[in-house]
PDB file of N, CA and C in Angstrom:
ATOM      1  N   MET A   1       0.913  -1.276   0.058  1.00  0.00           N
ATOM      2  CA  MET A   1       0.013   0.043   0.015  1.00  0.00           C
ATOM      3  C   MET A   1       0.897   1.283   0.009  1.00  0.00           C
ATOM      4  N   GLY A   2       0.638   2.187  -0.874  1.00  0.00           N
ATOM      5  CA  GLY A   2       1.332   3.401  -1.111  1.00  0.00           C
ATOM      6  C   GLY A   2       0.887   4.616  -0.145  1.00  0.00           C
ATOM      7  N   ILE A   3       1.664   5.565  -0.011  1.00  0.00           N
ATOM      8  CA  ILE A   3       1.138   6.487   0.806  1.00  0.00           C
ATOM      9  C   ILE A   3       1.253   7.992  -0.100  1.00  0.00           C
ATOM     10  N   ARG A   4      -0.022   8.648   0.081  1.00  0.00           N
ATOM     11  CA  ARG A   4      -0.054   9.859  -0.756  1.00  0.00           C
ATOM     12  C   ARG A   4      -0.482  10.867   0.295  1.00  0.00           C
ATOM     13  N   PHE A   5      -0.196  12.044  -0.086  1.00  0.00           N
ATOM     14  CA  PHE A   5      -0.320  13.180   0.946  1.00  0.00           C
ATOM     15  C   PHE A   5      -1.350  14.301   0.092  1.00  0.00           C
ATOM     16  N   HIS A   6      -2.399  14.523   0.876  1.00  0.00           N
ATOM     17  CA  HIS A   6      -3.390  15.710   0.382  1.00  0.00           C
ATOM     18  C   HIS A   6      -2.606  16.876   0.714  1.00  0.00           C
ATOM     19  N   PRO A   7      -2.878  17.995  -0.152  1.00  0.00           N
ATOM     20  CA  PRO A   7      -2.334  19.277   0.142  1.00  0.00           C
ATOM     21  C   PRO A   7      -2.426  19.940   1.328  1.00  0.00           C
ATOM     22  N   HIS A   8      -3.498  19.687   2.094  1.00  0.00           N
ATOM     23  CA  HIS A   8      -3.919  20.047   3.470  1.00  0.00           C
ATOM     24  C   HIS A   8      -2.922  19.344   4.167  1.00  0.00           C
ATOM     25  N   ALA A   9      -2.657  18.155   4.187  1.00  0.00           N
ATOM     26  CA  ALA A   9      -1.648  17.545   5.081  1.00  0.00           C
ATOM     27  C   ALA A   9      -0.281  18.116   4.843  1.00  0.00           C
ATOM     28  N   LEU A  10       0.020  18.292   3.555  1.00  0.00           N
ATOM     29  CA  LEU A  10       1.484  18.911   3.517  1.00  0.00           C
ATOM     30  C   LEU A  10       1.492  20.176   4.101  1.00  0.00           C
ATOM     31  N   GLU A  11       0.618  20.895   3.921  1.00  0.00           N
ATOM     32  CA  GLU A  11       0.580  22.568   4.665  1.00  0.00           C
ATOM     33  C   GLU A  11       0.555  22.159   6.281  1.00  0.00           C
ATOM     34  N   ARG A  12      -0.162  21.387   6.694  1.00  0.00           N
ATOM     35  CA  ARG A  12      -0.016  21.048   8.253  1.00  0.00           C
ATOM     36  C   ARG A  12       1.166  20.472   8.596  1.00  0.00           C
ATOM     37  N   MET A  13       1.939  19.634   7.747  1.00  0.00           N
ATOM     38  CA  MET A  13       3.107  19.010   8.165  1.00  0.00           C
ATOM     39  C   MET A  13       4.382  20.161   8.228  1.00  0.00           C
ATOM     40  N   THR A  14       4.318  21.056   7.340  1.00  0.00           N
ATOM     41  CA  THR A  14       5.380  22.294   7.415  1.00  0.00           C
ATOM     42  C   THR A  14       4.952  22.977   8.441  1.00  0.00           C
ATOM     43  N   GLU A  15       3.693  23.453   8.773  1.00  0.00           N
ATOM     44  CA  GLU A  15       3.227  24.370   9.845  1.00  0.00           C
ATOM     45  C   GLU A  15       3.611  23.621  11.302  1.00  0.00           C
ATOM     46  N   ARG A  16       3.600  22.503  11.302  1.00  0.00           N
ATOM     47  CA  ARG A  16       3.657  21.748  12.639  1.00  0.00           C
ATOM     48  C   ARG A  16       4.852  20.969  12.857  1.00  0.00           C
ATOM     49  N   GLY A  17       5.695  20.994  12.048  1.00  0.00           N
ATOM     50  CA  GLY A  17       7.278  20.662  12.301  1.00  0.00           C
ATOM     51  C   GLY A  17       7.488  19.102  11.856  1.00  0.00           C
ATOM     52  N   ALA A  18       6.573  18.448  11.156  1.00  0.00           N
ATOM     53  CA  ALA A  18       6.762  17.169  10.725  1.00  0.00           C
ATOM     54  C   ALA A  18       7.251  16.803   9.241  1.00  0.00           C
ATOM     55  N   THR A  19       7.863  15.981   9.066  1.00  0.00           N
ATOM     56  CA  THR A  19       8.535  15.603   7.634  1.00  0.00           C
ATOM     57  C   THR A  19       7.889  14.546   7.144  1.00  0.00           C
ATOM     58  N   GLU A  20       8.076  14.584   5.762  1.00  0.00           N
ATOM     59  CA  GLU A  20       7.282  13.313   4.926  1.00  0.00           C
ATOM     60  C   GLU A  20       7.806  12.082   5.317  1.00  0.00           C
ATOM     61  N   GLN A  21       9.145  11.901   5.750  1.00  0.00           N
ATOM     62  CA  GLN A  21       9.728  10.557   6.198  1.00  0.00           C
ATOM     63  C   GLN A  21       8.973  10.189   7.534  1.00  0.00           C
ATOM     64  N   GLU A  22       8.894  11.225   8.438  1.00  0.00           N
ATOM     65  CA  GLU A  22       8.271  10.916   9.754  1.00  0.00           C
ATOM     66  C   GLU A  22       6.846  10.332   9.630  1.00  0.00           C
ATOM     67  N   VAL A  23       6.183  11.104   8.784  1.00  0.00           N
ATOM     68  CA  VAL A  23       4.856  10.745   8.544  1.00  0.00           C
ATOM     69  C   VAL A  23       4.575   9.410   7.878  1.00  0.00           C
ATOM     70  N   MET A  24       5.547   9.017   6.939  1.00  0.00           N
ATOM     71  CA  MET A  24       5.490   7.690   6.313  1.00  0.00           C
ATOM     72  C   MET A  24       5.771   6.576   7.265  1.00  0.00           C
ATOM     73  N   LEU A  25       6.916   7.035   8.125  1.00  0.00           N
ATOM     74  CA  LEU A  25       7.089   5.933   9.319  1.00  0.00           C
ATOM     75  C   LEU A  25       6.079   5.716  10.180  1.00  0.00           C
ATOM     76  N   THR A  26       5.349   6.754  10.333  1.00  0.00           N
ATOM     77  CA  THR A  26       4.145   6.804  11.313  1.00  0.00           C
ATOM     78  C   THR A  26       2.906   5.744  10.784  1.00  0.00           C
ATOM     79  N   VAL A  27       2.841   6.085   9.450  1.00  0.00           N
ATOM     80  CA  VAL A  27       1.668   5.181   8.682  1.00  0.00           C
ATOM     81  C   VAL A  27       2.174   3.791   8.578  1.00  0.00           C
ATOM     82  N   THR A  28       3.431   3.487   8.429  1.00  0.00           N
ATOM     83  CA  THR A  28       3.759   2.159   8.080  1.00  0.00           C
ATOM     84  C   THR A  28       4.083   1.292   9.303  1.00  0.00           C
ATOM     85  N   GLU A  29       4.518   2.213  10.428  1.00  0.00           N
ATOM     86  CA  GLU A  29       5.205   1.579  11.760  1.00  0.00           C
ATOM     87  C   GLU A  29       4.473   1.996  12.954  1.00  0.00           C
ATOM     88  N   GLY A  30       3.720   2.899  12.815  1.00  0.00           N
ATOM     89  CA  GLY A  30       2.933   3.419  14.139  1.00  0.00           C
ATOM     90  C   GLY A  30       1.770   2.441  14.476  1.00  0.00           C
ATOM     91  N   GLU A  31       1.094   3.060  15.600  1.00  0.00           N
ATOM     92  CA  GLU A  31      -0.106   2.680  16.282  1.00  0.00           C
ATOM     93  C   GLU A  31      -1.049   2.932  15.361  1.00  0.00           C
ATOM     94  N   ARG A  32      -1.968   1.956  15.017  1.00  0.00           N
ATOM     95  CA  ARG A  32      -3.052   2.428  14.184  1.00  0.00           C
ATOM     96  C   ARG A  32      -4.524   2.372  15.154  1.00  0.00           C
ATOM     97  N   PHE A  33      -5.249   3.252  14.997  1.00  0.00           N
ATOM     98  CA  PHE A  33      -6.520   3.449  15.632  1.00  0.00           C
ATOM     99  C   PHE A  33      -7.723   4.156  14.841  1.00  0.00           C
ATOM    100  N   PRO A  34      -8.940   3.709  15.113  1.00  0.00           N
ATOM    101  CA  PRO A  34     -10.028   4.351  14.250  1.00  0.00           C
ATOM    102  C   PRO A  34     -10.379   5.760  14.726  1.00  0.00           C
ATOM    103  N   VAL A  35     -10.692   6.597  13.801  1.00  0.00           N
ATOM    104  CA  VAL A  35     -11.029   7.936  13.841  1.00  0.00           C
ATOM    105  C   VAL A  35     -12.541   8.244  13.340  1.00  0.00           C
ATOM    106  N   LYS A  36     -12.923   9.488  13.500  1.00  0.00           N
ATOM    107  CA  LYS A  36     -14.147   9.956  12.766  1.00  0.00           C
ATOM    108  C   LYS A  36     -14.295   9.695  11.358  1.00  0.00           C
ATOM    109  N   PHE A  37     -15.553   9.533  10.725  1.00  0.00           N
ATOM    110  CA  PHE A  37     -15.817   9.510   9.284  1.00  0.00           C
ATOM    111  C   PHE A  37     -15.346   8.328   8.774  1.00  0.00           C
ATOM    112  N   GLY A  38     -14.863   7.248   9.349  1.00  0.00           N
ATOM    113  CA  GLY A  38     -14.231   5.942   8.803  1.00  0.00           C
ATOM    114  C   GLY A  38     -12.733   6.121   8.402  1.00  0.00           C
ATOM    115  N   ARG A  39     -12.265   7.052   9.008  1.00  0.00           N
ATOM    116  CA  ARG A  39     -10.805   7.234   8.672  1.00  0.00           C
ATOM    117  C   ARG A  39      -9.925   6.512   9.637  1.00  0.00           C
ATOM    118  N   THR A  40      -8.613   6.512   9.361  1.00  0.00           N
ATOM    119  CA  THR A  40      -7.817   5.706  10.181  1.00  0.00           C
ATOM    120  C   THR A  40      -6.654   6.672  10.749  1.00  0.00           C
ATOM    121  N   GLY A  41      -6.502   6.595  11.966  1.00  0.00           N
ATOM    122  CA  GLY A  41      -5.301   7.425  12.713  1.00  0.00           C
ATOM    123  C   GLY A  41      -4.111   6.576  12.956  1.00  0.00           C
ATOM    124  N   PHE A  42      -2.949   7.269  12.793  1.00  0.00           N
ATOM    125  CA  PHE A  42      -1.907   6.460  13.085  1.00  0.00           C
ATOM    126  C   PHE A  42      -0.996   7.401  14.126  1.00  0.00           C
ATOM    127  N   ARG A  43      -0.132   6.884  14.987  1.00  0.00           N
ATOM    128  CA  ARG A  43       0.577   7.512  15.892  1.00  0.00           C
ATOM    129  C   ARG A  43       1.930   6.952  16.222  1.00  0.00           C
ATOM    130  N   ARG A  44       2.794   7.830  16.292  1.00  0.00           N
ATOM    131  CA  ARG A  44       4.203   7.312  16.482  1.00  0.00           C
ATOM    132  C   ARG A  44       5.065   8.286  17.272  1.00  0.00           C
ATOM    133  N   ASN A  45       5.872   7.887  18.329  1.00  0.00           N
ATOM    134  CA  ASN A  45       6.861   8.953  18.855  1.00  0.00           C
ATOM    135  C   ASN A  45       8.114   8.797  18.387  1.00  0.00           C
ATOM    136  N   PHE A  46       8.810  10.074  18.260  1.00  0.00           N
ATOM    137  CA  PHE A  46      10.230  10.002  17.689  1.00  0.00           C
ATOM    138  C   PHE A  46      11.001  10.826  18.645  1.00  0.00           C
ATOM    139  N   PRO A  47      12.211  10.401  18.771  1.00  0.00           N
ATOM    140  CA  PRO A  47      13.167  11.415  19.562  1.00  0.00           C
ATOM    141  C   PRO A  47      13.249  12.651  19.065  1.00  0.00           C
ATOM    142  N   PHE A  48      13.635  13.776  19.885  1.00  0.00           N
ATOM    143  CA  PHE A  48      13.558  15.048  19.207  1.00  0.00           C
ATOM    144  C   PHE A  48      14.750  15.792  19.833  1.00  0.00           C
ATOM    145  N   GLN A  49      15.014  15.804  20.906  1.00  0.00           N
ATOM    146  CA  GLN A  49      16.135  16.640  21.308  1.00  0.00           C
ATOM    147  C   GLN A  49      16.369  17.881  20.655  1.00  0.00           C
ATOM    148  N   GLY A  50      15.382  18.713  20.534  1.00  0.00           N
ATOM    149  CA  GLY A  50      15.672  20.082  19.920  1.00  0.00           C
ATOM    150  C   GLY A  50      14.583  21.136  20.545  1.00  0.00           C
ATOM    151  N   GLN A  51      14.787  22.295  19.826  1.00  0.00           N
ATOM    152  CA  GLN A  51      13.907  23.247  20.260  1.00  0.00           C
ATOM    153  C   GLN A  51      12.588  23.368  19.130  1.00  0.00           C
ATOM    154  N   TRP A  52      11.533  23.587  19.651  1.00  0.00           N
ATOM    155  CA  TRP A  52      10.229  23.862  18.880  1.00  0.00           C
ATOM    156  C   TRP A  52       9.560  25.284  19.623  1.00  0.00           C
ATOM    157  N   ARG A  53       9.704  26.383  18.667  1.00  0.00           N
ATOM    158  CA  ARG A  53       8.976  27.496  18.951  1.00  0.00           C
ATOM    159  C   ARG A  53       9.650  28.108  20.185  1.00  0.00           C
ATOM    160  N   GLY A  54      11.043  28.005  20.388  1.00  0.00           N
ATOM    161  CA  GLY A  54      11.492  28.618  21.495  1.00  0.00           C
ATOM    162  C   GLY A  54      11.835  27.791  22.789  1.00  0.00           C
ATOM    163  N   ARG A  55      11.160  26.615  22.834  1.00  0.00           N
ATOM    164  CA  ARG A  55      11.285  25.339  23.983  1.00  0.00           C
ATOM    165  C   ARG A  55      11.824  24.148  23.673  1.00  0.00           C
ATOM    166  N   ASP A  56      12.503  23.743  24.615  1.00  0.00           N
ATOM    167  CA  ASP A  56      13.305  22.438  24.460  1.00  0.00           C
ATOM    168  C   ASP A  56      12.498  21.379  24.640  1.00  0.00           C
ATOM    169  N   PHE A  57      12.366  20.109  23.880  1.00  0.00           N
ATOM    170  CA  PHE A  57      11.451  18.940  23.936  1.00  0.00           C
ATOM    171  C   PHE A  57      12.552  17.960  23.654  1.00  0.00           C
ATOM    172  N   ALA A  58      12.336  16.710  24.306  1.00  0.00           N
ATOM    173  CA  ALA A  58      12.804  15.579  24.059  1.00  0.00           C
ATOM    174  C   ALA A  58      12.193  14.697  22.997  1.00  0.00           C
ATOM    175  N   PHE A  59      10.887  15.014  22.849  1.00  0.00           N
ATOM    176  CA  PHE A  59      10.471  13.735  22.185  1.00  0.00           C
ATOM    177  C   PHE A  59       9.181  14.548  21.281  1.00  0.00           C
ATOM    178  N   LYS A  60       8.796  14.045  20.019  1.00  0.00           N
ATOM    179  CA  LYS A  60       7.580  14.542  19.433  1.00  0.00           C
ATOM    180  C   LYS A  60       6.795  13.565  19.045  1.00  0.00           C
ATOM    181  N   GLN A  61       5.565  13.597  18.922  1.00  0.00           N
ATOM    182  CA  GLN A  61       4.379  12.532  18.713  1.00  0.00           C
ATOM    183  C   GLN A  61       3.791  13.073  17.377  1.00  0.00           C
ATOM    184  N   VAL A  62       3.872  12.083  16.481  1.00  0.00           N
ATOM    185  CA  VAL A  62       3.329  12.413  15.071  1.00  0.00           C
ATOM    186  C   VAL A  62       2.000  11.780  15.028  1.00  0.00           C
ATOM    187  N   GLU A  63       1.025  12.077  14.653  1.00  0.00           N
ATOM    188  CA  GLU A  63      -0.367  11.824  14.323  1.00  0.00           C
ATOM    189  C   GLU A  63      -0.776  11.754  12.881  1.00  0.00           C
ATOM    190  N   ALA A  64      -0.915  10.948  12.247  1.00  0.00           N
ATOM    191  CA  ALA A  64      -1.391  11.148  10.715  1.00  0.00           C
ATOM    192  C   ALA A  64      -2.869  10.387  10.781  1.00  0.00           C
ATOM    193  N   TYR A  65      -3.821  11.268  10.129  1.00  0.00           N
ATOM    194  CA  TYR A  65      -5.284  10.866   9.782  1.00  0.00           C
ATOM    195  C   TYR A  65      -5.329  10.455   8.316  1.00  0.00           C
ATOM    196  N   ALA A  66      -5.663   9.288   7.901  1.00  0.00           N
ATOM    197  CA  ALA A  66      -5.727   9.060   6.502  1.00  0.00           C
ATOM    198  C   ALA A  66      -6.844   8.251   6.212  1.00  0.00           C
ATOM    199  N   VAL A  67      -7.144   8.118   4.882  1.00  0.00           N
ATOM    200  CA  VAL A  67      -8.215   7.313   4.492  1.00  0.00           C
ATOM    201  C   VAL A  67      -7.782   6.271   3.255  1.00  0.00           C
ATOM    202  N   GLY A  68      -8.177   5.092   3.375  1.00  0.00           N
ATOM    203  CA  GLY A  68      -7.960   4.335   2.156  1.00  0.00           C
ATOM    204  C   GLY A  68      -8.532   4.600   0.883  1.00  0.00           C
ATOM    205  N   GLU A  69      -7.742   4.662  -0.167  1.00  0.00           N
ATOM    206  CA  GLU A  69      -8.264   5.114  -1.519  1.00  0.00           C
ATOM    207  C   GLU A  69      -7.510   4.677  -2.646  1.00  0.00           C
ATOM    208  N   GLU A  70      -8.086   3.850  -3.415  1.00  0.00           N
ATOM    209  CA  GLU A  70      -7.477   3.265  -4.749  1.00  0.00           C
ATOM    210  C   GLU A  70      -6.111   2.282  -4.245  1.00  0.00           C
ATOM    211  N   GLY A  71      -5.951   1.741  -3.012  1.00  0.00           N
ATOM    212  CA  GLY A  71      -5.124   0.845  -2.473  1.00  0.00           C
ATOM    213  C   GLY A  71      -4.095   1.648  -1.836  1.00  0.00           C
ATOM    214  N   ASP A  72      -4.170   2.764  -1.604  1.00  0.00           N
ATOM    215  CA  ASP A  72      -3.255   3.550  -1.038  1.00  0.00           C
ATOM    216  C   ASP A  72      -3.802   4.127   0.222  1.00  0.00           C
ATOM    217  N   TRP A  73      -2.801   4.913   1.083  1.00  0.00           N
ATOM    218  CA  TRP A  73      -3.460   5.567   2.055  1.00  0.00           C
ATOM    219  C   TRP A  73      -3.257   7.059   1.593  1.00  0.00           C
ATOM    220  N   LEU A  74      -4.229   7.820   1.807  1.00  0.00           N
ATOM    221  CA  LEU A  74      -4.278   9.256   1.458  1.00  0.00           C
ATOM    222  C   LEU A  74      -4.258   9.852   2.727  1.00  0.00           C
ATOM    223  N   VAL A  75      -3.027  10.591   3.191  1.00  0.00           N
ATOM    224  CA  VAL A  75      -2.902  11.366   4.426  1.00  0.00           C
ATOM    225  C   VAL A  75      -3.768  12.746   4.321  1.00  0.00           C
ATOM    226  N   ILE A  76      -4.676  12.897   5.413  1.00  0.00           N
ATOM    227  CA  ILE A  76      -5.648  14.013   5.121  1.00  0.00           C
ATOM    228  C   ILE A  76      -4.914  15.140   5.922  1.00  0.00           C
ATOM    229  N   THR A  77      -4.531  14.869   7.161  1.00  0.00           N
ATOM    230  CA  THR A  77      -3.958  15.927   8.038  1.00  0.00           C
ATOM    231  C   THR A  77      -3.022  15.221   8.999  1.00  0.00           C
ATOM    232  N   VAL A  78      -2.236  16.209   9.575  1.00  0.00           N
ATOM    233  CA  VAL A  78      -1.133  15.631  10.449  1.00  0.00           C
ATOM    234  C   VAL A  78      -1.183  16.567  11.669  1.00  0.00           C
ATOM    235  N   ILE A  79      -1.032  15.998  12.788  1.00  0.00           N
ATOM    236  CA  ILE A  79      -1.033  16.772  14.236  1.00  0.00           C
ATOM    237  C   ILE A  79       0.456  16.271  14.801  1.00  0.00           C
ATOM    238  N   VAL A  80       1.255  17.173  15.412  1.00  0.00           N
ATOM    239  CA  VAL A  80       2.346  17.043  16.038  1.00  0.00           C
ATOM    240  C   VAL A  80       2.250  17.318  17.421  1.00  0.00           C
ATOM    241  N   ARG A  81       2.634  16.616  18.347  1.00  0.00           N
ATOM    242  CA  ARG A  81       2.852  17.194  19.852  1.00  0.00           C
ATOM    243  C   ARG A  81       4.201  17.030  20.248  1.00  0.00           C
ATOM    244  N   TYR A  82       4.750  18.142  20.833  1.00  0.00           N
ATOM    245  CA  TYR A  82       6.030  18.055  21.783  1.00  0.00           C
ATOM    246  C   TYR A  82       5.993  17.894  23.124  1.00  0.00           C
ATOM    247  N   TYR A  83       6.778  17.173  23.607  1.00  0.00           N
ATOM    248  CA  TYR A  83       7.033  16.882  25.047  1.00  0.00           C
ATOM    249  C   TYR A  83       8.367  16.257  25.398  1.00  0.00           C
TER     250      TYR A  83
END
């Protein structure tokens, strides 16, 4: 199954500090859970050890919300949490 990105997801990734590689790893290797509207959520934690918006964080959690479409996952949006 391939992974494609909706333009909205690409904008949110840039805005929230996630890379395409992190989102792809989240979808292929992360925890899977059901979300609204028949979509699927994926979650994975990554070591971060850096600054985000002037604060230091050790980890970041990437969540990707996707829908199965034509045999691929279409990532609709991405949420990133730093801790």
